[in-house]
Amino acid sequence: MVIAVVALIVIGPERLPRVARTMGHLFGRLQRYVNDVKADINREIELEELRKFKTTFEDAARGFESGVNTTVSSVQSEVAKTEGELNSMTQIGESTPASSPAAAAPAPEPAQGEAVGEAQGSPSPPEKTAV
């Protein structure tokens, strides 16, 4: 209130409305400028947070990838070891003759009347008896 009275005395009643309008425009520009600066600062802060998140995510992805690569290499080495053992067992089995002739003989063919399950040694289903 005191400022308005001083402005009225210093500026005068004829120029006061024009000065007030100019001051309003300048104040509006100042507010828009401050809001733009605030928005820019907020955008920069958000970008920095996104960069940090990206870095964290990439580090986690690299860690996961190295863990998977380690697991894959250990599985591959185990598979290679097992393959080598199987190959050596196969070579040993081929160099020694068969110990029992029954193992080398083929399985007998089932007779025409026999069921396939009986020829393979499977138990036959129980017969129903009248009570």
N, C-alpha and C. Protein backbone atom coordinates (compact mmCIF):
# COMPACT_ATOMS: atom_id res chain seq x y z
N MET A 1 0.82 -1.18 0.00
CA MET A 1 0.00 0.00 0.00
C MET A 1 0.87 1.25 0.00
N VAL A 2 1.91 1.19 0.80
CA VAL A 2 2.82 2.34 0.88
C VAL A 2 3.50 2.54 -0.47
N ILE A 3 3.86 1.46 -1.15
CA ILE A 3 4.53 1.55 -2.44
C ILE A 3 3.60 2.20 -3.46
N ALA A 4 2.32 1.85 -3.42
CA ALA A 4 1.36 2.43 -4.35
C ALA A 4 1.23 3.94 -4.14
N VAL A 5 1.20 4.38 -2.90
CA VAL A 5 1.09 5.81 -2.61
C VAL A 5 2.35 6.54 -3.07
N VAL A 6 3.52 5.96 -2.84
CA VAL A 6 4.78 6.58 -3.26
C VAL A 6 4.84 6.63 -4.78
N ALA A 7 4.42 5.54 -5.46
CA ALA A 7 4.41 5.52 -6.92
C ALA A 7 3.47 6.57 -7.47
N LEU A 8 2.31 6.74 -6.85
CA LEU A 8 1.36 7.75 -7.30
C LEU A 8 1.95 9.15 -7.18
N ILE A 9 2.66 9.40 -6.10
CA ILE A 9 3.26 10.72 -5.88
C ILE A 9 4.42 10.95 -6.84
N VAL A 10 5.31 9.94 -7.02
CA VAL A 10 6.51 10.12 -7.83
C VAL A 10 6.16 10.11 -9.32
N ILE A 11 5.36 9.17 -9.76
CA ILE A 11 5.08 9.01 -11.19
C ILE A 11 3.97 9.97 -11.64
N GLY A 12 3.01 10.12 -10.84
CA GLY A 12 1.89 10.99 -11.20
C GLY A 12 0.71 10.18 -11.67
N PRO A 13 -0.47 10.72 -11.53
CA PRO A 13 -1.67 9.97 -11.87
C PRO A 13 -1.84 9.74 -13.38
N GLU A 14 -1.25 10.57 -14.24
CA GLU A 14 -1.42 10.38 -15.68
C GLU A 14 -0.59 9.19 -16.20
N ARG A 15 0.62 9.03 -15.72
CA ARG A 15 1.51 7.97 -16.22
C ARG A 15 1.43 6.69 -15.41
N LEU A 16 0.79 6.72 -14.26
CA LEU A 16 0.74 5.54 -13.39
C LEU A 16 0.10 4.32 -14.07
N PRO A 17 -1.03 4.39 -14.77
CA PRO A 17 -1.60 3.20 -15.43
C PRO A 17 -0.66 2.60 -16.48
N ARG A 18 0.02 3.44 -17.25
CA ARG A 18 0.94 2.95 -18.28
C ARG A 18 2.14 2.27 -17.63
N VAL A 19 2.68 2.82 -16.58
CA VAL A 19 3.82 2.23 -15.87
C VAL A 19 3.41 0.92 -15.20
N ALA A 20 2.21 0.90 -14.64
CA ALA A 20 1.72 -0.33 -14.00
C ALA A 20 1.57 -1.45 -15.02
N ARG A 21 1.04 -1.11 -16.22
CA ARG A 21 0.87 -2.10 -17.29
C ARG A 21 2.24 -2.62 -17.73
N THR A 22 3.20 -1.71 -17.91
CA THR A 22 4.55 -2.11 -18.30
C THR A 22 5.18 -2.99 -17.23
N MET A 23 4.99 -2.63 -15.98
CA MET A 23 5.53 -3.44 -14.88
C MET A 23 4.87 -4.83 -14.87
N GLY A 24 3.58 -4.90 -15.16
CA GLY A 24 2.89 -6.19 -15.24
C GLY A 24 3.46 -7.06 -16.34
N HIS A 25 3.71 -6.48 -17.52
CA HIS A 25 4.31 -7.24 -18.63
C HIS A 25 5.71 -7.73 -18.26
N LEU A 26 6.50 -6.84 -17.66
CA LEU A 26 7.86 -7.24 -17.25
C LEU A 26 7.82 -8.33 -16.19
N PHE A 27 6.90 -8.21 -15.26
CA PHE A 27 6.77 -9.24 -14.21
C PHE A 27 6.34 -10.58 -14.83
N GLY A 28 5.43 -10.55 -15.81
CA GLY A 28 5.01 -11.78 -16.51
C GLY A 28 6.17 -12.44 -17.24
N ARG A 29 6.98 -11.60 -17.93
CA ARG A 29 8.16 -12.14 -18.62
C ARG A 29 9.13 -12.77 -17.63
N LEU A 30 9.33 -12.10 -16.50
CA LEU A 30 10.22 -12.61 -15.47
C LEU A 30 9.72 -13.96 -14.95
N GLN A 31 8.43 -14.07 -14.73
CA GLN A 31 7.85 -15.33 -14.25
C GLN A 31 8.05 -16.44 -15.28
N ARG A 32 7.79 -16.15 -16.56
CA ARG A 32 7.98 -17.17 -17.61
C ARG A 32 9.45 -17.59 -17.69
N TYR A 33 10.35 -16.62 -17.59
CA TYR A 33 11.77 -16.93 -17.63
C TYR A 33 12.16 -17.83 -16.45
N VAL A 34 11.69 -17.49 -15.26
CA VAL A 34 12.00 -18.31 -14.07
C VAL A 34 11.40 -19.71 -14.24
N ASN A 35 10.18 -19.82 -14.76
CA ASN A 35 9.57 -21.13 -14.97
C ASN A 35 10.35 -21.95 -16.00
N ASP A 36 10.82 -21.29 -17.05
CA ASP A 36 11.63 -21.99 -18.05
C ASP A 36 12.94 -22.50 -17.44
N VAL A 37 13.57 -21.68 -16.63
CA VAL A 37 14.82 -22.10 -15.98
C VAL A 37 14.55 -23.28 -15.04
N LYS A 38 13.45 -23.21 -14.28
CA LYS A 38 13.10 -24.32 -13.40
C LYS A 38 12.86 -25.60 -14.20
N ALA A 39 12.14 -25.49 -15.30
CA ALA A 39 11.86 -26.66 -16.14
C ALA A 39 13.16 -27.25 -16.70
N ASP A 40 14.07 -26.38 -17.13
CA ASP A 40 15.36 -26.86 -17.65
C ASP A 40 16.15 -27.59 -16.56
N ILE A 41 16.15 -27.02 -15.37
CA ILE A 41 16.87 -27.66 -14.26
C ILE A 41 16.25 -29.02 -13.93
N ASN A 42 14.92 -29.08 -13.89
CA ASN A 42 14.24 -30.36 -13.61
C ASN A 42 14.54 -31.38 -14.70
N ARG A 43 14.56 -30.94 -15.97
CA ARG A 43 14.90 -31.85 -17.06
C ARG A 43 16.31 -32.38 -16.92
N GLU A 44 17.24 -31.53 -16.57
CA GLU A 44 18.63 -31.96 -16.39
C GLU A 44 18.76 -32.95 -15.24
N ILE A 45 18.02 -32.70 -14.15
CA ILE A 45 18.05 -33.62 -13.01
C ILE A 45 17.49 -34.97 -13.42
N GLU A 46 16.37 -34.97 -14.16
CA GLU A 46 15.79 -36.23 -14.62
C GLU A 46 16.74 -36.97 -15.57
N LEU A 47 17.39 -36.23 -16.45
CA LEU A 47 18.36 -36.86 -17.36
C LEU A 47 19.52 -37.48 -16.59
N GLU A 48 19.98 -36.79 -15.58
CA GLU A 48 21.08 -37.33 -14.77
C GLU A 48 20.63 -38.61 -14.05
N GLU A 49 19.41 -38.59 -13.52
CA GLU A 49 18.89 -39.78 -12.87
C GLU A 49 18.76 -40.93 -13.86
N LEU A 50 18.30 -40.63 -15.08
CA LEU A 50 18.19 -41.67 -16.11
C LEU A 50 19.56 -42.21 -16.49
N ARG A 51 20.55 -41.34 -16.55
CA ARG A 51 21.91 -41.80 -16.86
C ARG A 51 22.43 -42.73 -15.77
N LYS A 52 22.17 -42.37 -14.51
CA LYS A 52 22.60 -43.23 -13.41
C LYS A 52 21.88 -44.57 -13.47
N PHE A 53 20.57 -44.54 -13.76
CA PHE A 53 19.81 -45.78 -13.87
C PHE A 53 20.33 -46.62 -15.01
N LYS A 54 20.64 -45.98 -16.13
CA LYS A 54 21.17 -46.70 -17.29
C LYS A 54 22.49 -47.37 -16.94
N THR A 55 23.36 -46.64 -16.25
CA THR A 55 24.66 -47.20 -15.86
C THR A 55 24.46 -48.39 -14.92
N THR A 56 23.56 -48.23 -13.96
CA THR A 56 23.29 -49.33 -13.03
C THR A 56 22.74 -50.54 -13.77
N PHE A 57 21.82 -50.31 -14.68
CA PHE A 57 21.22 -51.40 -15.45
C PHE A 57 22.26 -52.09 -16.31
N GLU A 58 23.13 -51.32 -16.97
CA GLU A 58 24.18 -51.91 -17.80
C GLU A 58 25.15 -52.73 -16.96
N ASP A 59 25.50 -52.24 -15.78
CA ASP A 59 26.40 -53.00 -14.89
C ASP A 59 25.76 -54.32 -14.48
N ALA A 60 24.47 -54.26 -14.16
CA ALA A 60 23.76 -55.49 -13.78
C ALA A 60 23.71 -56.46 -14.97
N ALA A 61 23.48 -55.94 -16.16
CA ALA A 61 23.44 -56.79 -17.35
C ALA A 61 24.80 -57.43 -17.62
N ARG A 62 25.86 -56.65 -17.44
CA ARG A 62 27.21 -57.22 -17.62
C ARG A 62 27.49 -58.31 -16.59
N GLY A 63 27.09 -58.07 -15.36
CA GLY A 63 27.27 -59.08 -14.32
C GLY A 63 26.51 -60.36 -14.63
N PHE A 64 25.28 -60.20 -15.09
CA PHE A 64 24.47 -61.36 -15.46
C PHE A 64 25.10 -62.10 -16.62
N GLU A 65 25.57 -61.35 -17.62
CA GLU A 65 26.18 -61.96 -18.78
C GLU A 65 27.44 -62.73 -18.40
N SER A 66 28.26 -62.16 -17.52
CA SER A 66 29.48 -62.87 -17.11
C SER A 66 29.12 -64.12 -16.31
N GLY A 67 28.07 -64.05 -15.49
CA GLY A 67 27.63 -65.24 -14.75
C GLY A 67 27.15 -66.33 -15.69
N VAL A 68 26.39 -65.94 -16.71
CA VAL A 68 25.91 -66.92 -17.70
C VAL A 68 27.08 -67.50 -18.47
N ASN A 69 28.02 -66.66 -18.87
CA ASN A 69 29.18 -67.16 -19.61
C ASN A 69 30.00 -68.13 -18.75
N THR A 70 30.16 -67.84 -17.48
CA THR A 70 30.89 -68.73 -16.59
C THR A 70 30.17 -70.07 -16.47
N THR A 71 28.84 -70.01 -16.30
CA THR A 71 28.06 -71.24 -16.19
C THR A 71 28.14 -72.05 -17.48
N VAL A 72 28.02 -71.38 -18.62
CA VAL A 72 28.07 -72.07 -19.91
C VAL A 72 29.43 -72.74 -20.09
N SER A 73 30.49 -72.04 -19.75
CA SER A 73 31.83 -72.63 -19.93
C SER A 73 32.03 -73.82 -19.00
N SER A 74 31.52 -73.75 -17.76
CA SER A 74 31.66 -74.89 -16.86
C SER A 74 30.83 -76.08 -17.35
N VAL A 75 29.64 -75.81 -17.88
CA VAL A 75 28.81 -76.90 -18.42
C VAL A 75 29.49 -77.50 -19.64
N GLN A 76 30.06 -76.66 -20.49
CA GLN A 76 30.75 -77.18 -21.67
C GLN A 76 31.95 -78.05 -21.28
N SER A 77 32.68 -77.64 -20.26
CA SER A 77 33.83 -78.44 -19.83
C SER A 77 33.36 -79.78 -19.25
N GLU A 78 32.25 -79.75 -18.50
CA GLU A 78 31.71 -81.00 -17.95
C GLU A 78 31.22 -81.92 -19.07
N VAL A 79 30.58 -81.35 -20.07
CA VAL A 79 30.11 -82.15 -21.21
C VAL A 79 31.29 -82.76 -21.95
N ALA A 80 32.34 -81.97 -22.16
CA ALA A 80 33.53 -82.48 -22.84
C ALA A 80 34.18 -83.59 -22.02
N LYS A 81 34.22 -83.43 -20.72
CA LYS A 81 34.81 -84.44 -19.84
C LYS A 81 34.00 -85.73 -19.91
N THR A 82 32.67 -85.59 -19.84
CA THR A 82 31.80 -86.76 -19.90
C THR A 82 31.90 -87.44 -21.27
N GLU A 83 31.99 -86.64 -22.32
CA GLU A 83 32.12 -87.19 -23.66
C GLU A 83 33.42 -87.99 -23.78
N GLY A 84 34.49 -87.43 -23.22
CA GLY A 84 35.77 -88.14 -23.25
C GLY A 84 35.70 -89.46 -22.48
N GLU A 85 35.04 -89.44 -21.32
CA GLU A 85 34.90 -90.67 -20.55
C GLU A 85 34.08 -91.71 -21.31
N LEU A 86 32.99 -91.27 -21.94
CA LEU A 86 32.16 -92.20 -22.72
C LEU A 86 32.93 -92.75 -23.91
N ASN A 87 33.70 -91.91 -24.57
CA ASN A 87 34.50 -92.39 -25.69
C ASN A 87 35.53 -93.41 -25.23
N SER A 88 36.16 -93.18 -24.11
CA SER A 88 37.16 -94.14 -23.62
C SER A 88 36.48 -95.44 -23.21
N MET A 89 35.28 -95.36 -22.62
CA MET A 89 34.55 -96.58 -22.25
C MET A 89 34.12 -97.35 -23.50
N THR A 90 33.73 -96.63 -24.54
CA THR A 90 33.31 -97.28 -25.78
C THR A 90 34.50 -97.99 -26.42
N GLN A 91 35.66 -97.37 -26.39
CA GLN A 91 36.85 -97.98 -26.97
C GLN A 91 37.25 -99.21 -26.17
N ILE A 92 37.13 -99.17 -24.85
CA ILE A 92 37.46 -100.32 -24.01
C ILE A 92 36.47 -101.44 -24.29
N GLY A 93 35.19 -101.13 -24.43
CA GLY A 93 34.16 -102.13 -24.69
C GLY A 93 34.33 -102.78 -26.06
N GLU A 94 34.80 -102.05 -27.04
CA GLU A 94 34.99 -102.61 -28.38
C GLU A 94 36.23 -103.51 -28.43
N SER A 95 37.22 -103.25 -27.61
CA SER A 95 38.46 -104.03 -27.66
C SER A 95 38.32 -105.36 -26.92
N THR A 96 37.40 -105.50 -25.95
CA THR A 96 37.22 -106.78 -25.24
C THR A 96 36.02 -107.51 -25.82
N PRO A 97 36.09 -108.87 -25.94
CA PRO A 97 34.96 -109.64 -26.47
C PRO A 97 33.82 -109.65 -25.46
N ALA A 98 32.63 -110.00 -25.96
CA ALA A 98 31.44 -110.04 -25.11
C ALA A 98 31.60 -111.15 -24.10
N SER A 99 31.27 -110.91 -22.87
CA SER A 99 31.50 -111.90 -21.81
C SER A 99 30.46 -112.99 -21.81
N SER A 100 29.25 -112.75 -22.23
CA SER A 100 28.24 -113.80 -22.22
C SER A 100 27.63 -113.93 -23.61
N PRO A 101 27.41 -115.13 -24.07
CA PRO A 101 26.83 -115.32 -25.40
C PRO A 101 25.37 -114.86 -25.44
N ALA A 102 24.68 -114.87 -24.32
CA ALA A 102 23.27 -114.46 -24.30
C ALA A 102 23.14 -112.97 -24.60
N ALA A 103 24.14 -112.19 -24.23
CA ALA A 103 24.09 -110.76 -24.48
C ALA A 103 24.24 -110.48 -25.97
N ALA A 104 24.99 -111.33 -26.67
CA ALA A 104 25.22 -111.11 -28.08
C ALA A 104 24.08 -111.69 -28.92
N ALA A 105 23.34 -112.69 -28.42
CA ALA A 105 22.27 -113.35 -29.18
C ALA A 105 21.05 -112.44 -29.24
N PRO A 106 20.37 -112.41 -30.40
CA PRO A 106 19.17 -111.58 -30.50
C PRO A 106 18.01 -112.20 -29.72
N ALA A 107 17.03 -111.40 -29.36
CA ALA A 107 15.87 -111.89 -28.62
C ALA A 107 15.01 -112.74 -29.54
N PRO A 108 14.43 -113.84 -29.01
CA PRO A 108 13.62 -114.72 -29.87
C PRO A 108 12.33 -114.02 -30.27
N GLU A 109 11.87 -114.36 -31.48
CA GLU A 109 10.63 -113.81 -32.00
C GLU A 109 9.46 -114.47 -31.29
N PRO A 110 8.38 -113.72 -30.97
CA PRO A 110 7.23 -114.35 -30.33
C PRO A 110 6.49 -115.26 -31.31
N ALA A 111 5.93 -116.32 -30.79
CA ALA A 111 5.15 -117.24 -31.61
C ALA A 111 3.88 -116.55 -32.05
N GLN A 112 3.19 -117.13 -33.03
CA GLN A 112 2.03 -116.46 -33.58
C GLN A 112 0.92 -116.30 -32.55
N GLY A 113 0.76 -117.20 -31.66
CA GLY A 113 -0.32 -117.14 -30.68
C GLY A 113 0.02 -116.29 -29.47
N GLU A 114 1.27 -116.03 -29.25
CA GLU A 114 1.67 -115.29 -28.06
C GLU A 114 1.47 -113.79 -28.26
N ALA A 115 1.14 -113.13 -27.17
CA ALA A 115 1.01 -111.67 -27.21
C ALA A 115 2.41 -111.05 -27.15
N VAL A 116 2.53 -109.89 -27.64
CA VAL A 116 3.83 -109.22 -27.65
C VAL A 116 4.32 -108.98 -26.24
N GLY A 117 3.44 -108.64 -25.31
CA GLY A 117 3.82 -108.37 -23.92
C GLY A 117 4.37 -109.61 -23.26
N GLU A 118 3.85 -110.81 -23.63
CA GLU A 118 4.35 -112.05 -23.01
C GLU A 118 5.74 -112.37 -23.51
N ALA A 119 6.03 -112.08 -24.76
CA ALA A 119 7.34 -112.39 -25.31
C ALA A 119 8.40 -111.50 -24.69
N GLN A 120 8.01 -110.32 -24.25
CA GLN A 120 8.98 -109.41 -23.68
C GLN A 120 9.12 -109.62 -22.18
N GLY A 121 8.41 -110.52 -21.61
CA GLY A 121 8.56 -110.81 -20.20
C GLY A 121 7.64 -109.99 -19.33
N SER A 122 6.70 -109.28 -19.92
CA SER A 122 5.77 -108.49 -19.12
C SER A 122 4.71 -109.42 -18.57
N PRO A 123 4.27 -109.17 -17.36
CA PRO A 123 3.23 -110.06 -16.81
C PRO A 123 1.93 -109.87 -17.57
N SER A 124 1.24 -110.97 -17.76
CA SER A 124 -0.03 -110.91 -18.47
C SER A 124 -1.12 -110.47 -17.50
N PRO A 125 -2.16 -109.86 -18.02
CA PRO A 125 -3.23 -109.42 -17.12
C PRO A 125 -3.93 -110.63 -16.49
N PRO A 126 -4.38 -110.49 -15.26
CA PRO A 126 -5.03 -111.64 -14.60
C PRO A 126 -6.34 -112.00 -15.29
N GLU A 127 -6.57 -113.30 -15.34
CA GLU A 127 -7.81 -113.76 -15.97
C GLU A 127 -8.95 -113.63 -15.00
N LYS A 128 -10.13 -113.32 -15.53
CA LYS A 128 -11.30 -113.18 -14.66
C LYS A 128 -11.90 -114.57 -14.43
N THR A 129 -12.24 -114.79 -13.19
CA THR A 129 -12.87 -116.08 -12.84
C THR A 129 -14.25 -115.80 -12.30
N ALA A 130 -15.14 -116.69 -12.58
CA ALA A 130 -16.52 -116.52 -12.09
C ALA A 130 -16.59 -116.96 -10.64
N VAL A 131 -17.31 -116.25 -9.88
CA VAL A 131 -17.42 -116.55 -8.45
C VAL A 131 -18.71 -117.23 -8.14
